[in-house]
Amino acid sequence: MGDSSSWEWGWRRKLPER
């Protein structure tokens, strides 16, 4: 996987899925 993806999916999962 890539670096960007790491933090991208990291903060995304933290946020509430609407």
PDB file of N, CA and C in Angstrom:
ATOM      1  N   MET A   1       0.840  -1.208   0.000  1.00  0.00           N
ATOM      2  CA  MET A   1       0.000   0.000   0.000  1.00  0.00           C
ATOM      3  C   MET A   1       0.881   1.266   0.000  1.00  0.00           C
ATOM      4  N   GLY A   2       0.253   2.408  -0.258  1.00  0.00           N
ATOM      5  CA  GLY A   2       1.044   3.641  -0.307  1.00  0.00           C
ATOM      6  C   GLY A   2       0.951   4.441   0.973  1.00  0.00           C
ATOM      7  N   ASP A   3       1.826   5.403   1.109  1.00  0.00           N
ATOM      8  CA  ASP A   3       1.835   6.253   2.309  1.00  0.00           C
ATOM      9  C   ASP A   3       0.526   7.029   2.437  1.00  0.00           C
ATOM     10  N   SER A   4       0.192   7.730   1.377  1.00  0.00           N
ATOM     11  CA  SER A   4      -1.029   8.562   1.379  1.00  0.00           C
ATOM     12  C   SER A   4      -2.228   7.726   1.812  1.00  0.00           C
ATOM     13  N   SER A   5      -2.352   6.540   1.233  1.00  0.00           N
ATOM     14  CA  SER A   5      -3.492   5.677   1.552  1.00  0.00           C
ATOM     15  C   SER A   5      -3.550   5.402   3.055  1.00  0.00           C
ATOM     16  N   SER A   6      -2.385   5.225   3.647  1.00  0.00           N
ATOM     17  CA  SER A   6      -2.311   4.918   5.082  1.00  0.00           C
ATOM     18  C   SER A   6      -3.069   5.945   5.909  1.00  0.00           C
ATOM     19  N   TRP A   7      -2.688   7.196   5.782  1.00  0.00           N
ATOM     20  CA  TRP A   7      -3.333   8.256   6.591  1.00  0.00           C
ATOM     21  C   TRP A   7      -4.723   8.551   6.037  1.00  0.00           C
ATOM     22  N   GLU A   8      -4.877   8.402   4.723  1.00  0.00           N
ATOM     23  CA  GLU A   8      -6.177   8.697   4.111  1.00  0.00           C
ATOM     24  C   GLU A   8      -7.264   7.802   4.690  1.00  0.00           C
ATOM     25  N   TRP A   9      -6.992   6.508   4.749  1.00  0.00           N
ATOM     26  CA  TRP A   9      -7.998   5.568   5.261  1.00  0.00           C
ATOM     27  C   TRP A   9      -8.014   5.602   6.793  1.00  0.00           C
ATOM     28  N   GLY A  10      -6.920   6.076   7.362  1.00  0.00           N
ATOM     29  CA  GLY A  10      -6.831   6.152   8.827  1.00  0.00           C
ATOM     30  C   GLY A  10      -7.803   7.176   9.389  1.00  0.00           C
ATOM     31  N   TRP A  11      -7.786   8.392   8.849  1.00  0.00           N
ATOM     32  CA  TRP A  11      -8.680   9.451   9.369  1.00  0.00           C
ATOM     33  C   TRP A  11     -10.095   9.215   8.852  1.00  0.00           C
ATOM     34  N   ARG A  12     -10.184   8.569   7.714  1.00  0.00           N
ATOM     35  CA  ARG A  12     -11.518   8.314   7.148  1.00  0.00           C
ATOM     36  C   ARG A  12     -12.297   7.352   8.020  1.00  0.00           C
ATOM     37  N   ARG A  13     -11.642   6.322   8.489  1.00  0.00           N
ATOM     38  CA  ARG A  13     -12.309   5.319   9.337  1.00  0.00           C
ATOM     39  C   ARG A  13     -12.654   5.941  10.690  1.00  0.00           C
ATOM     40  N   LYS A  14     -11.819   6.861  11.133  1.00  0.00           N
ATOM     41  CA  LYS A  14     -12.070   7.541  12.418  1.00  0.00           C
ATOM     42  C   LYS A  14     -13.372   8.335  12.341  1.00  0.00           C
ATOM     43  N   LEU A  15     -13.571   8.975  11.181  1.00  0.00           N
ATOM     44  CA  LEU A  15     -14.789   9.777  11.004  1.00  0.00           C
ATOM     45  C   LEU A  15     -16.000   8.864  10.877  1.00  0.00           C
ATOM     46  N   PRO A  16     -17.168   9.362  11.327  1.00  0.00           N
ATOM     47  CA  PRO A  16     -18.420   8.612  11.275  1.00  0.00           C
ATOM     48  C   PRO A  16     -18.921   8.452   9.843  1.00  0.00           C
ATOM     49  N   GLU A  17     -19.191   7.235   9.454  1.00  0.00           N
ATOM     50  CA  GLU A  17     -19.704   6.971   8.097  1.00  0.00           C
ATOM     51  C   GLU A  17     -21.150   7.403   7.978  1.00  0.00           C
ATOM     52  N   ARG A  18     -21.388   8.419   7.116  1.00  0.00           N
ATOM     53  CA  ARG A  18     -22.778   8.885   7.001  1.00  0.00           C
ATOM     54  C   ARG A  18     -23.430   8.384   5.721  1.00  0.00           C
TER      55      ARG A  18
END
